[in-house]
Amino acid sequence: MKKLLVPAAYVLLNSDLGTDESIINEVKQILSEEEIEYEVQGVYGVYDIVLKLSSNNAEKLRAVITDKIRKISKVQSTLTMMVIEEQENL
């Protein structure tokens, strides 16, 4: 049996030292203007911020990640993982 999922992505962000809060606030501002559901958390480890995004429109999701999230000035690098939209239950 196959289950259809809403297009989603996880984005891991590395930020300049001490800028996590300002980046999280900027992410929230950007995404509040889009039709994208999101969760954002500061984390310990290799990355500083984890962002989960979902939208009914996969192209819009990709565009927001590429054109807005990745271009935030204090973000050093990102790793984006797009969720497989159709996957078989095990």
N, C-alpha and C. Protein backbone atom coordinates (compact mmCIF):
# COMPACT_ATOMS: atom_id res chain seq x y z
N MET A 1 0.84 -1.18 0.00
CA MET A 1 0.00 0.00 0.00
C MET A 1 0.88 1.25 0.00
N LYS A 2 0.58 2.19 -0.88
CA LYS A 2 1.36 3.41 -0.97
C LYS A 2 0.61 4.56 -0.34
N LYS A 3 1.37 5.44 0.29
CA LYS A 3 0.80 6.61 0.95
C LYS A 3 1.38 7.87 0.29
N LEU A 4 0.52 8.76 -0.13
CA LEU A 4 0.98 10.01 -0.73
C LEU A 4 1.27 11.02 0.37
N LEU A 5 2.41 11.67 0.29
CA LEU A 5 2.79 12.67 1.26
C LEU A 5 2.75 14.05 0.63
N VAL A 6 2.56 15.04 1.47
CA VAL A 6 2.64 16.43 1.03
C VAL A 6 4.12 16.73 0.79
N PRO A 7 4.45 17.47 -0.28
CA PRO A 7 5.85 17.83 -0.50
C PRO A 7 6.45 18.49 0.75
N ALA A 8 7.60 17.99 1.17
CA ALA A 8 8.24 18.49 2.38
C ALA A 8 9.75 18.47 2.22
N ALA A 9 10.42 19.25 3.07
CA ALA A 9 11.87 19.29 3.05
C ALA A 9 12.38 19.60 4.45
N TYR A 10 13.57 19.08 4.72
CA TYR A 10 14.31 19.44 5.93
C TYR A 10 15.51 20.24 5.46
N VAL A 11 15.74 21.38 6.11
CA VAL A 11 16.88 22.21 5.76
C VAL A 11 17.72 22.40 7.02
N LEU A 12 19.00 22.02 6.94
CA LEU A 12 19.94 22.21 8.04
C LEU A 12 20.78 23.43 7.71
N LEU A 13 20.90 24.35 8.68
CA LEU A 13 21.62 25.59 8.43
C LEU A 13 22.79 25.75 9.39
N ASN A 14 23.93 26.21 8.87
CA ASN A 14 25.06 26.67 9.67
C ASN A 14 25.04 28.18 9.63
N SER A 15 25.20 28.79 10.79
CA SER A 15 25.13 30.25 10.87
C SER A 15 26.41 30.84 11.44
N ASP A 16 26.59 32.14 11.25
CA ASP A 16 27.68 32.84 11.90
C ASP A 16 27.47 32.75 13.41
N LEU A 17 28.53 32.74 14.15
CA LEU A 17 28.48 32.60 15.60
C LEU A 17 27.58 33.67 16.23
N GLY A 18 26.63 33.22 17.05
CA GLY A 18 25.77 34.14 17.78
C GLY A 18 24.62 34.74 16.99
N THR A 19 24.36 34.24 15.77
CA THR A 19 23.30 34.82 14.94
C THR A 19 22.07 33.92 14.82
N ASP A 20 22.04 32.83 15.57
CA ASP A 20 20.94 31.86 15.45
C ASP A 20 19.57 32.52 15.62
N GLU A 21 19.41 33.30 16.69
CA GLU A 21 18.10 33.91 16.96
C GLU A 21 17.66 34.83 15.84
N SER A 22 18.57 35.65 15.34
CA SER A 22 18.18 36.59 14.28
C SER A 22 17.83 35.84 12.99
N ILE A 23 18.54 34.75 12.71
CA ILE A 23 18.22 33.95 11.52
C ILE A 23 16.86 33.28 11.68
N ILE A 24 16.60 32.71 12.85
CA ILE A 24 15.30 32.09 13.11
C ILE A 24 14.18 33.10 12.93
N ASN A 25 14.36 34.31 13.43
CA ASN A 25 13.35 35.36 13.26
C ASN A 25 13.17 35.73 11.80
N GLU A 26 14.26 35.80 11.05
CA GLU A 26 14.17 36.12 9.62
C GLU A 26 13.47 35.01 8.85
N VAL A 27 13.78 33.75 9.19
CA VAL A 27 13.11 32.61 8.57
C VAL A 27 11.61 32.68 8.82
N LYS A 28 11.22 32.95 10.07
CA LYS A 28 9.80 33.05 10.41
C LYS A 28 9.12 34.16 9.62
N GLN A 29 9.81 35.29 9.47
CA GLN A 29 9.24 36.41 8.71
C GLN A 29 9.06 36.03 7.23
N ILE A 30 10.07 35.41 6.65
CA ILE A 30 10.00 35.00 5.24
C ILE A 30 8.85 34.02 5.04
N LEU A 31 8.76 33.01 5.90
CA LEU A 31 7.77 31.96 5.72
C LEU A 31 6.35 32.38 6.08
N SER A 32 6.20 33.41 6.90
CA SER A 32 4.86 33.90 7.22
C SER A 32 4.21 34.56 6.00
N GLU A 33 5.03 34.98 5.05
CA GLU A 33 4.54 35.61 3.82
C GLU A 33 4.24 34.58 2.72
N GLU A 34 4.61 33.33 2.94
CA GLU A 34 4.43 32.27 1.96
C GLU A 34 3.36 31.30 2.44
N GLU A 35 2.84 30.49 1.54
CA GLU A 35 1.87 29.46 1.91
C GLU A 35 2.62 28.16 2.21
N ILE A 36 3.50 28.23 3.19
CA ILE A 36 4.34 27.10 3.55
C ILE A 36 4.24 26.89 5.05
N GLU A 37 3.95 25.66 5.45
CA GLU A 37 3.95 25.33 6.87
C GLU A 37 5.39 25.03 7.27
N TYR A 38 5.73 25.40 8.51
CA TYR A 38 7.12 25.20 8.91
C TYR A 38 7.26 24.97 10.41
N GLU A 39 8.38 24.36 10.75
CA GLU A 39 8.86 24.25 12.13
C GLU A 39 10.33 24.64 12.06
N VAL A 40 10.78 25.42 13.03
CA VAL A 40 12.18 25.83 13.06
C VAL A 40 12.69 25.72 14.48
N GLN A 41 13.89 25.15 14.62
CA GLN A 41 14.49 24.93 15.94
C GLN A 41 15.99 25.20 15.88
N GLY A 42 16.50 25.82 16.91
CA GLY A 42 17.95 25.89 17.10
C GLY A 42 18.39 24.57 17.69
N VAL A 43 19.54 24.06 17.28
CA VAL A 43 20.02 22.76 17.75
C VAL A 43 21.52 22.82 18.06
N TYR A 44 21.97 21.87 18.88
CA TYR A 44 23.39 21.67 19.14
C TYR A 44 23.91 20.64 18.16
N GLY A 45 25.16 20.78 17.78
CA GLY A 45 25.76 19.78 16.90
C GLY A 45 26.42 20.43 15.70
N VAL A 46 26.54 19.67 14.64
CA VAL A 46 27.22 20.13 13.43
C VAL A 46 26.47 21.32 12.81
N TYR A 47 25.14 21.30 12.87
CA TYR A 47 24.34 22.39 12.33
C TYR A 47 23.76 23.20 13.48
N ASP A 48 23.34 24.43 13.18
CA ASP A 48 22.84 25.34 14.20
C ASP A 48 21.32 25.45 14.23
N ILE A 49 20.69 25.24 13.08
CA ILE A 49 19.24 25.41 12.95
C ILE A 49 18.70 24.30 12.07
N VAL A 50 17.56 23.73 12.47
CA VAL A 50 16.86 22.73 11.66
C VAL A 50 15.51 23.32 11.28
N LEU A 51 15.19 23.22 10.02
CA LEU A 51 13.95 23.77 9.48
C LEU A 51 13.20 22.67 8.76
N LYS A 52 11.93 22.47 9.11
CA LYS A 52 11.08 21.51 8.40
C LYS A 52 10.02 22.32 7.66
N LEU A 53 9.91 22.11 6.37
CA LEU A 53 8.97 22.85 5.53
C LEU A 53 8.02 21.89 4.84
N SER A 54 6.78 22.31 4.66
CA SER A 54 5.84 21.53 3.85
C SER A 54 4.89 22.47 3.14
N SER A 55 4.50 22.05 1.94
CA SER A 55 3.63 22.86 1.09
C SER A 55 2.93 21.94 0.11
N ASN A 56 1.80 22.36 -0.40
CA ASN A 56 1.13 21.60 -1.45
C ASN A 56 1.81 21.78 -2.80
N ASN A 57 2.73 22.73 -2.89
CA ASN A 57 3.38 23.07 -4.15
C ASN A 57 4.90 22.83 -4.01
N ALA A 58 5.39 21.75 -4.59
CA ALA A 58 6.81 21.40 -4.48
C ALA A 58 7.72 22.44 -5.12
N GLU A 59 7.29 23.02 -6.23
CA GLU A 59 8.12 24.04 -6.89
C GLU A 59 8.26 25.28 -6.03
N LYS A 60 7.18 25.68 -5.38
CA LYS A 60 7.23 26.84 -4.49
C LYS A 60 8.17 26.56 -3.31
N LEU A 61 8.10 25.34 -2.80
CA LEU A 61 8.97 24.93 -1.70
C LEU A 61 10.44 25.06 -2.12
N ARG A 62 10.77 24.52 -3.28
CA ARG A 62 12.15 24.61 -3.78
C ARG A 62 12.58 26.06 -3.99
N ALA A 63 11.68 26.87 -4.54
CA ALA A 63 12.00 28.27 -4.81
C ALA A 63 12.27 29.04 -3.52
N VAL A 64 11.46 28.82 -2.51
CA VAL A 64 11.66 29.53 -1.24
C VAL A 64 12.99 29.14 -0.61
N ILE A 65 13.31 27.86 -0.66
CA ILE A 65 14.60 27.40 -0.10
C ILE A 65 15.76 28.03 -0.86
N THR A 66 15.71 27.96 -2.18
CA THR A 66 16.82 28.44 -3.01
C THR A 66 16.92 29.96 -3.03
N ASP A 67 15.80 30.64 -3.21
CA ASP A 67 15.82 32.09 -3.43
C ASP A 67 15.75 32.92 -2.16
N LYS A 68 15.30 32.32 -1.07
CA LYS A 68 15.13 33.13 0.15
C LYS A 68 15.92 32.59 1.34
N ILE A 69 15.69 31.36 1.73
CA ILE A 69 16.34 30.80 2.92
C ILE A 69 17.86 30.76 2.74
N ARG A 70 18.32 30.22 1.63
CA ARG A 70 19.77 30.07 1.41
C ARG A 70 20.47 31.41 1.23
N LYS A 71 19.73 32.47 0.96
CA LYS A 71 20.34 33.78 0.72
C LYS A 71 20.33 34.69 1.95
N ILE A 72 19.88 34.17 3.10
CA ILE A 72 19.95 34.97 4.33
C ILE A 72 21.43 35.25 4.61
N SER A 73 21.75 36.50 4.88
CA SER A 73 23.16 36.93 4.90
C SER A 73 24.03 36.23 5.94
N LYS A 74 23.52 35.86 7.08
CA LYS A 74 24.36 35.27 8.13
C LYS A 74 24.36 33.74 8.10
N VAL A 75 23.76 33.16 7.07
CA VAL A 75 23.78 31.71 6.90
C VAL A 75 25.05 31.35 6.14
N GLN A 76 25.91 30.52 6.75
CA GLN A 76 27.16 30.12 6.11
C GLN A 76 26.95 29.02 5.09
N SER A 77 26.11 28.02 5.44
CA SER A 77 25.86 26.91 4.53
C SER A 77 24.54 26.24 4.89
N THR A 78 24.03 25.46 3.95
CA THR A 78 22.79 24.72 4.17
C THR A 78 22.94 23.31 3.60
N LEU A 79 22.11 22.42 4.13
CA LEU A 79 21.96 21.08 3.57
C LEU A 79 20.47 20.84 3.47
N THR A 80 19.97 20.64 2.25
CA THR A 80 18.54 20.46 2.03
C THR A 80 18.25 19.01 1.67
N MET A 81 17.25 18.46 2.34
CA MET A 81 16.82 17.09 2.06
C MET A 81 15.33 17.13 1.72
N MET A 82 15.01 16.87 0.47
CA MET A 82 13.62 16.83 0.04
C MET A 82 13.06 15.45 0.38
N VAL A 83 11.87 15.43 0.98
CA VAL A 83 11.22 14.18 1.36
C VAL A 83 10.68 13.50 0.11
N ILE A 84 10.80 12.19 0.04
CA ILE A 84 10.25 11.42 -1.07
C ILE A 84 8.73 11.50 -0.96
N GLU A 85 8.08 12.01 -2.00
CA GLU A 85 6.64 12.27 -1.93
C GLU A 85 5.79 11.01 -1.91
N GLU A 86 6.27 9.96 -2.53
CA GLU A 86 5.50 8.72 -2.55
C GLU A 86 6.43 7.60 -2.10
N GLN A 87 6.05 6.98 -1.02
CA GLN A 87 6.90 5.93 -0.48
C GLN A 87 6.05 4.80 0.04
N GLU A 88 6.55 3.62 -0.13
CA GLU A 88 5.80 2.44 0.30
C GLU A 88 5.94 2.24 1.79
N ASN A 89 4.82 1.90 2.46
CA ASN A 89 4.87 1.57 3.88
C ASN A 89 5.54 0.22 4.05
N LEU A 90 6.33 0.10 5.06
CA LEU A 90 7.02 -1.18 5.33
C LEU A 90 6.23 -2.02 6.29
